[in-house]
Amino acid sequence: MVAEPLAHVRRAAAEFRSAGATPVAGHSAHVLLGVQDGILHDLGDFIDDYARHPRLRNDLGLLWLVTVDDHGPVRVEAVPLALDYCHTASSTRRSSVDHPPPPGCLRRMISRPSGGRGK
């Protein structure tokens, strides 16, 4: 897991966007890494089989719903998820969270390309 997109990943995403790709969706860091200019730097996990990292919050995720037409994406929605070991639930309905996210946590995590976690 990493706290922000690696430099070569940022460059590749920018090259895809310059070539006309939309959206560009990254994956592999296992945590949300932010959204910027049509780039979803990392989609996070949908099913988590890792121990929860207290700073990177890999137990939080988003289900991305993208509506497209002939010209590309017209709407993007993000549904908050709370991930347990090999179990996924809506974070708004989950009552068994041992470490609930602070209010606005997911919004801050996706508001900048570093995922809002800092270093």
N, C-alpha and C. Protein backbone atom coordinates (compact mmCIF):
# COMPACT_ATOMS: atom_id res chain seq x y z
N MET A 1 0.84 -1.18 0.00
CA MET A 1 0.00 0.00 0.00
C MET A 1 0.89 1.24 0.00
N VAL A 2 0.44 2.24 -0.71
CA VAL A 2 1.16 3.51 -0.76
C VAL A 2 0.20 4.64 -0.41
N ALA A 3 0.73 5.77 0.06
CA ALA A 3 -0.09 6.89 0.50
C ALA A 3 -0.43 7.87 -0.63
N GLU A 4 0.27 7.79 -1.75
CA GLU A 4 -0.02 8.68 -2.87
C GLU A 4 0.43 8.01 -4.16
N PRO A 5 -0.11 8.44 -5.30
CA PRO A 5 0.28 7.83 -6.57
C PRO A 5 1.78 8.02 -6.83
N LEU A 6 2.43 6.97 -7.30
CA LEU A 6 3.85 7.05 -7.62
C LEU A 6 4.05 7.94 -8.84
N ALA A 7 5.22 8.53 -8.97
CA ALA A 7 5.50 9.47 -10.05
C ALA A 7 5.26 8.87 -11.43
N HIS A 8 5.73 7.63 -11.65
CA HIS A 8 5.54 7.03 -12.97
C HIS A 8 4.07 6.73 -13.25
N VAL A 9 3.30 6.48 -12.21
CA VAL A 9 1.86 6.25 -12.39
C VAL A 9 1.16 7.56 -12.74
N ARG A 10 1.55 8.65 -12.09
CA ARG A 10 0.98 9.97 -12.42
C ARG A 10 1.30 10.34 -13.88
N ARG A 11 2.54 10.09 -14.30
CA ARG A 11 2.93 10.41 -15.68
C ARG A 11 2.11 9.59 -16.68
N ALA A 12 1.97 8.30 -16.40
CA ALA A 12 1.21 7.43 -17.31
C ALA A 12 -0.25 7.87 -17.38
N ALA A 13 -0.85 8.21 -16.24
CA ALA A 13 -2.24 8.67 -16.22
C ALA A 13 -2.40 9.94 -17.05
N ALA A 14 -1.45 10.87 -16.89
CA ALA A 14 -1.50 12.12 -17.66
C ALA A 14 -1.35 11.85 -19.16
N GLU A 15 -0.50 10.89 -19.53
CA GLU A 15 -0.35 10.54 -20.94
C GLU A 15 -1.63 9.93 -21.51
N PHE A 16 -2.29 9.08 -20.73
CA PHE A 16 -3.56 8.51 -21.17
C PHE A 16 -4.59 9.62 -21.39
N ARG A 17 -4.66 10.58 -20.46
CA ARG A 17 -5.61 11.70 -20.59
C ARG A 17 -5.27 12.54 -21.82
N SER A 18 -3.99 12.81 -22.04
CA SER A 18 -3.57 13.59 -23.20
C SER A 18 -3.93 12.89 -24.51
N ALA A 19 -3.95 11.57 -24.47
CA ALA A 19 -4.31 10.79 -25.66
C ALA A 19 -5.82 10.67 -25.83
N GLY A 20 -6.58 11.23 -24.89
CA GLY A 20 -8.04 11.24 -25.03
C GLY A 20 -8.80 10.26 -24.16
N ALA A 21 -8.11 9.48 -23.36
CA ALA A 21 -8.80 8.52 -22.49
C ALA A 21 -9.58 9.25 -21.41
N THR A 22 -10.79 8.79 -21.17
CA THR A 22 -11.62 9.36 -20.11
C THR A 22 -12.67 8.35 -19.70
N PRO A 23 -12.81 8.01 -18.45
CA PRO A 23 -11.87 8.37 -17.39
C PRO A 23 -10.68 7.43 -17.40
N VAL A 24 -9.66 7.78 -16.65
CA VAL A 24 -8.52 6.90 -16.41
C VAL A 24 -8.68 6.38 -14.99
N ALA A 25 -8.66 5.08 -14.83
CA ALA A 25 -8.86 4.48 -13.51
C ALA A 25 -7.65 3.63 -13.14
N GLY A 26 -7.04 3.97 -12.03
CA GLY A 26 -5.88 3.23 -11.55
C GLY A 26 -6.27 2.20 -10.51
N HIS A 27 -5.40 1.22 -10.33
CA HIS A 27 -5.66 0.20 -9.32
C HIS A 27 -4.33 -0.44 -8.93
N SER A 28 -4.22 -0.86 -7.71
CA SER A 28 -3.13 -1.66 -7.18
C SER A 28 -2.66 -1.19 -5.83
N ALA A 29 -2.90 0.06 -5.48
CA ALA A 29 -2.42 0.55 -4.18
C ALA A 29 -3.28 0.05 -3.02
N HIS A 30 -4.49 -0.42 -3.29
CA HIS A 30 -5.41 -0.95 -2.29
C HIS A 30 -6.00 0.11 -1.37
N VAL A 31 -5.80 1.38 -1.68
CA VAL A 31 -6.38 2.48 -0.92
C VAL A 31 -6.81 3.57 -1.89
N LEU A 32 -7.75 4.40 -1.47
CA LEU A 32 -8.16 5.53 -2.30
C LEU A 32 -7.03 6.53 -2.39
N LEU A 33 -6.72 6.98 -3.61
CA LEU A 33 -5.61 7.91 -3.79
C LEU A 33 -6.03 9.22 -4.45
N GLY A 34 -7.30 9.50 -4.50
CA GLY A 34 -7.74 10.79 -4.97
C GLY A 34 -8.22 10.80 -6.41
N VAL A 35 -8.90 11.89 -6.75
CA VAL A 35 -9.46 12.10 -8.08
C VAL A 35 -8.98 13.45 -8.56
N GLN A 36 -8.56 13.50 -9.83
CA GLN A 36 -8.08 14.76 -10.38
C GLN A 36 -8.20 14.72 -11.90
N ASP A 37 -8.87 15.72 -12.48
CA ASP A 37 -8.92 15.90 -13.93
C ASP A 37 -9.23 14.61 -14.69
N GLY A 38 -10.31 13.94 -14.32
CA GLY A 38 -10.70 12.72 -15.03
C GLY A 38 -9.89 11.49 -14.69
N ILE A 39 -9.05 11.58 -13.66
CA ILE A 39 -8.21 10.45 -13.26
C ILE A 39 -8.65 9.99 -11.87
N LEU A 40 -9.02 8.72 -11.77
CA LEU A 40 -9.25 8.09 -10.47
C LEU A 40 -7.93 7.41 -10.14
N HIS A 41 -7.12 8.03 -9.30
CA HIS A 41 -5.74 7.56 -9.11
C HIS A 41 -5.67 6.14 -8.59
N ASP A 42 -6.59 5.72 -7.77
CA ASP A 42 -6.69 4.32 -7.38
C ASP A 42 -8.11 4.07 -6.95
N LEU A 43 -8.67 2.99 -7.40
CA LEU A 43 -10.06 2.68 -7.07
C LEU A 43 -10.22 2.13 -5.67
N GLY A 44 -9.13 1.79 -5.00
CA GLY A 44 -9.23 1.16 -3.69
C GLY A 44 -9.65 -0.29 -3.85
N ASP A 45 -10.01 -0.91 -2.77
CA ASP A 45 -10.43 -2.31 -2.80
C ASP A 45 -11.94 -2.41 -2.70
N PHE A 46 -12.47 -3.49 -3.25
CA PHE A 46 -13.88 -3.79 -3.08
C PHE A 46 -14.05 -4.89 -2.05
N ILE A 47 -13.11 -5.81 -2.03
CA ILE A 47 -13.04 -6.83 -0.98
C ILE A 47 -11.65 -6.73 -0.39
N ASP A 48 -11.58 -6.61 0.91
CA ASP A 48 -10.30 -6.39 1.59
C ASP A 48 -9.83 -7.67 2.27
N ASP A 49 -8.61 -8.08 1.99
CA ASP A 49 -8.03 -9.22 2.68
C ASP A 49 -6.71 -8.83 3.35
N TYR A 50 -6.61 -7.54 3.70
CA TYR A 50 -5.43 -7.01 4.37
C TYR A 50 -5.82 -6.57 5.78
N ALA A 51 -4.84 -6.51 6.65
CA ALA A 51 -5.07 -5.92 7.97
C ALA A 51 -5.32 -4.42 7.79
N ARG A 52 -6.15 -3.85 8.64
CA ARG A 52 -6.48 -2.43 8.54
C ARG A 52 -5.26 -1.58 8.90
N HIS A 53 -4.92 -0.66 8.02
CA HIS A 53 -3.83 0.27 8.29
C HIS A 53 -4.45 1.53 8.90
N PRO A 54 -4.04 1.92 10.11
CA PRO A 54 -4.71 3.03 10.81
C PRO A 54 -4.59 4.38 10.12
N ARG A 55 -3.53 4.61 9.34
CA ARG A 55 -3.36 5.90 8.67
C ARG A 55 -3.89 5.86 7.24
N LEU A 56 -3.63 4.79 6.51
CA LEU A 56 -4.05 4.72 5.11
C LEU A 56 -5.53 4.35 4.96
N ARG A 57 -6.12 3.80 6.01
CA ARG A 57 -7.55 3.46 6.03
C ARG A 57 -7.98 2.63 4.83
N ASN A 58 -7.28 1.53 4.62
CA ASN A 58 -7.63 0.61 3.54
C ASN A 58 -8.94 -0.12 3.83
N ASP A 59 -9.53 0.13 4.99
CA ASP A 59 -10.84 -0.45 5.30
C ASP A 59 -11.98 0.42 4.79
N LEU A 60 -11.66 1.53 4.14
CA LEU A 60 -12.66 2.40 3.54
C LEU A 60 -12.52 2.34 2.03
N GLY A 61 -13.62 2.33 1.34
CA GLY A 61 -13.56 2.28 -0.11
C GLY A 61 -14.73 2.98 -0.73
N LEU A 62 -14.73 3.02 -2.04
CA LEU A 62 -15.83 3.60 -2.81
C LEU A 62 -16.16 2.67 -3.96
N LEU A 63 -17.44 2.47 -4.19
CA LEU A 63 -17.92 1.78 -5.36
C LEU A 63 -18.21 2.87 -6.39
N TRP A 64 -17.48 2.87 -7.49
CA TRP A 64 -17.62 3.92 -8.51
C TRP A 64 -18.66 3.50 -9.53
N LEU A 65 -19.67 4.34 -9.71
CA LEU A 65 -20.71 4.12 -10.71
C LEU A 65 -20.55 5.19 -11.78
N VAL A 66 -20.17 4.77 -12.98
CA VAL A 66 -19.89 5.71 -14.07
C VAL A 66 -20.92 5.49 -15.17
N THR A 67 -21.66 6.54 -15.50
CA THR A 67 -22.62 6.50 -16.60
C THR A 67 -21.95 7.12 -17.82
N VAL A 68 -21.99 6.41 -18.93
CA VAL A 68 -21.35 6.89 -20.14
C VAL A 68 -22.36 6.98 -21.28
N ASP A 69 -22.07 7.86 -22.24
CA ASP A 69 -22.82 7.89 -23.49
C ASP A 69 -21.81 7.74 -24.62
N ASP A 70 -22.19 8.04 -25.83
CA ASP A 70 -21.28 7.87 -26.97
C ASP A 70 -20.04 8.75 -26.90
N HIS A 71 -20.07 9.79 -26.07
CA HIS A 71 -18.96 10.74 -25.98
C HIS A 71 -18.10 10.54 -24.74
N GLY A 72 -18.49 9.62 -23.88
CA GLY A 72 -17.71 9.38 -22.67
C GLY A 72 -18.56 9.51 -21.42
N PRO A 73 -17.92 9.67 -20.26
CA PRO A 73 -18.64 9.75 -18.99
C PRO A 73 -19.52 11.00 -18.92
N VAL A 74 -20.73 10.80 -18.42
CA VAL A 74 -21.64 11.93 -18.22
C VAL A 74 -21.99 12.09 -16.75
N ARG A 75 -21.74 11.06 -15.96
CA ARG A 75 -22.02 11.13 -14.53
C ARG A 75 -21.14 10.13 -13.80
N VAL A 76 -20.60 10.56 -12.67
CA VAL A 76 -19.81 9.68 -11.82
C VAL A 76 -20.36 9.79 -10.40
N GLU A 77 -20.66 8.63 -9.81
CA GLU A 77 -21.12 8.58 -8.43
C GLU A 77 -20.18 7.69 -7.64
N ALA A 78 -20.04 7.98 -6.37
CA ALA A 78 -19.21 7.16 -5.50
C ALA A 78 -20.03 6.75 -4.28
N VAL A 79 -20.17 5.45 -4.07
CA VAL A 79 -20.91 4.90 -2.94
C VAL A 79 -19.91 4.49 -1.87
N PRO A 80 -19.98 5.07 -0.66
CA PRO A 80 -19.02 4.73 0.39
C PRO A 80 -19.16 3.29 0.85
N LEU A 81 -18.02 2.63 1.01
CA LEU A 81 -17.98 1.25 1.48
C LEU A 81 -17.12 1.13 2.72
N ALA A 82 -17.50 0.19 3.57
CA ALA A 82 -16.68 -0.18 4.73
C ALA A 82 -16.29 -1.64 4.53
N LEU A 83 -15.00 -1.92 4.63
CA LEU A 83 -14.48 -3.24 4.30
C LEU A 83 -13.99 -3.94 5.55
N ASP A 84 -14.46 -5.15 5.76
CA ASP A 84 -13.91 -6.05 6.76
C ASP A 84 -13.14 -7.11 6.00
N TYR A 85 -12.48 -7.99 6.73
CA TYR A 85 -11.75 -9.06 6.07
C TYR A 85 -12.73 -9.87 5.22
N CYS A 86 -12.60 -9.76 3.90
CA CYS A 86 -13.40 -10.49 2.92
C CYS A 86 -14.90 -10.25 3.06
N HIS A 87 -15.30 -9.08 3.54
CA HIS A 87 -16.72 -8.71 3.63
C HIS A 87 -16.84 -7.21 3.36
N THR A 88 -17.79 -6.84 2.50
CA THR A 88 -17.99 -5.44 2.14
C THR A 88 -19.42 -5.04 2.43
N ALA A 89 -19.61 -3.83 2.99
CA ALA A 89 -20.94 -3.31 3.28
C ALA A 89 -20.95 -1.81 3.04
N SER A 90 -22.13 -1.26 2.88
CA SER A 90 -22.26 0.19 2.77
C SER A 90 -21.76 0.81 4.07
N SER A 91 -20.90 1.80 3.98
CA SER A 91 -20.36 2.40 5.20
C SER A 91 -21.41 3.20 5.95
N THR A 92 -22.49 3.58 5.28
CA THR A 92 -23.54 4.34 5.96
C THR A 92 -24.46 3.45 6.76
N ARG A 93 -24.47 2.15 6.48
CA ARG A 93 -25.36 1.24 7.20
C ARG A 93 -24.59 0.27 8.10
N ARG A 94 -23.32 0.35 8.12
CA ARG A 94 -22.53 -0.62 8.86
C ARG A 94 -22.49 -0.27 10.34
N SER A 95 -22.89 -1.19 11.18
CA SER A 95 -22.92 -0.92 12.61
C SER A 95 -21.80 -1.61 13.36
N SER A 96 -21.02 -2.46 12.69
CA SER A 96 -19.99 -3.23 13.39
C SER A 96 -18.59 -2.66 13.19
N VAL A 97 -18.49 -1.41 12.75
CA VAL A 97 -17.17 -0.83 12.52
C VAL A 97 -16.48 -0.59 13.86
N ASP A 98 -15.32 -1.21 14.04
CA ASP A 98 -14.55 -1.00 15.26
C ASP A 98 -13.92 0.38 15.29
N HIS A 99 -13.56 0.87 14.12
CA HIS A 99 -12.90 2.17 13.99
C HIS A 99 -13.63 2.98 12.94
N PRO A 100 -14.75 3.61 13.31
CA PRO A 100 -15.53 4.33 12.29
C PRO A 100 -14.74 5.50 11.71
N PRO A 101 -14.95 5.79 10.43
CA PRO A 101 -14.26 6.93 9.85
C PRO A 101 -14.81 8.22 10.42
N PRO A 102 -13.95 9.21 10.64
CA PRO A 102 -14.46 10.50 11.10
C PRO A 102 -15.34 11.13 10.04
N PRO A 103 -16.27 12.00 10.43
CA PRO A 103 -17.15 12.63 9.44
C PRO A 103 -16.34 13.32 8.34
N GLY A 104 -16.75 13.11 7.09
CA GLY A 104 -16.08 13.73 5.95
C GLY A 104 -14.79 13.06 5.53
N CYS A 105 -14.43 11.96 6.16
CA CYS A 105 -13.15 11.29 5.89
C CYS A 105 -13.02 10.88 4.43
N LEU A 106 -14.03 10.21 3.88
CA LEU A 106 -13.94 9.76 2.48
C LEU A 106 -13.88 10.94 1.53
N ARG A 107 -14.63 12.00 1.81
CA ARG A 107 -14.59 13.18 0.95
C ARG A 107 -13.17 13.77 0.94
N ARG A 108 -12.53 13.85 2.09
CA ARG A 108 -11.16 14.39 2.13
C ARG A 108 -10.19 13.45 1.42
N MET A 109 -10.41 12.14 1.54
CA MET A 109 -9.50 11.17 0.93
C MET A 109 -9.48 11.28 -0.58
N ILE A 110 -10.61 11.63 -1.19
CA ILE A 110 -10.62 11.69 -2.66
C ILE A 110 -10.49 13.09 -3.18
N SER A 111 -10.35 14.09 -2.30
CA SER A 111 -10.35 15.48 -2.76
C SER A 111 -9.03 15.93 -3.35
N ARG A 112 -7.99 15.17 -3.17
CA ARG A 112 -6.71 15.51 -3.79
C ARG A 112 -5.96 14.23 -4.14
N PRO A 113 -5.05 14.31 -5.11
CA PRO A 113 -4.40 13.10 -5.62
C PRO A 113 -3.63 12.29 -4.59
N SER A 114 -3.24 12.89 -3.48
CA SER A 114 -2.53 12.09 -2.47
C SER A 114 -3.50 11.30 -1.64
N GLY A 115 -4.80 11.46 -1.88
CA GLY A 115 -5.79 10.74 -1.09
C GLY A 115 -6.06 11.42 0.23
N GLY A 116 -5.48 12.57 0.48
CA GLY A 116 -5.75 13.33 1.69
C GLY A 116 -5.16 12.74 2.95
N ARG A 117 -4.21 11.83 2.81
CA ARG A 117 -3.65 11.17 3.98
C ARG A 117 -2.41 11.87 4.51
N GLY A 118 -1.75 12.63 3.67
CA GLY A 118 -0.49 13.24 4.10
C GLY A 118 0.59 12.21 4.22
N LYS A 119 1.72 12.62 4.75
CA LYS A 119 2.83 11.69 4.92
C LYS A 119 3.19 11.54 6.36
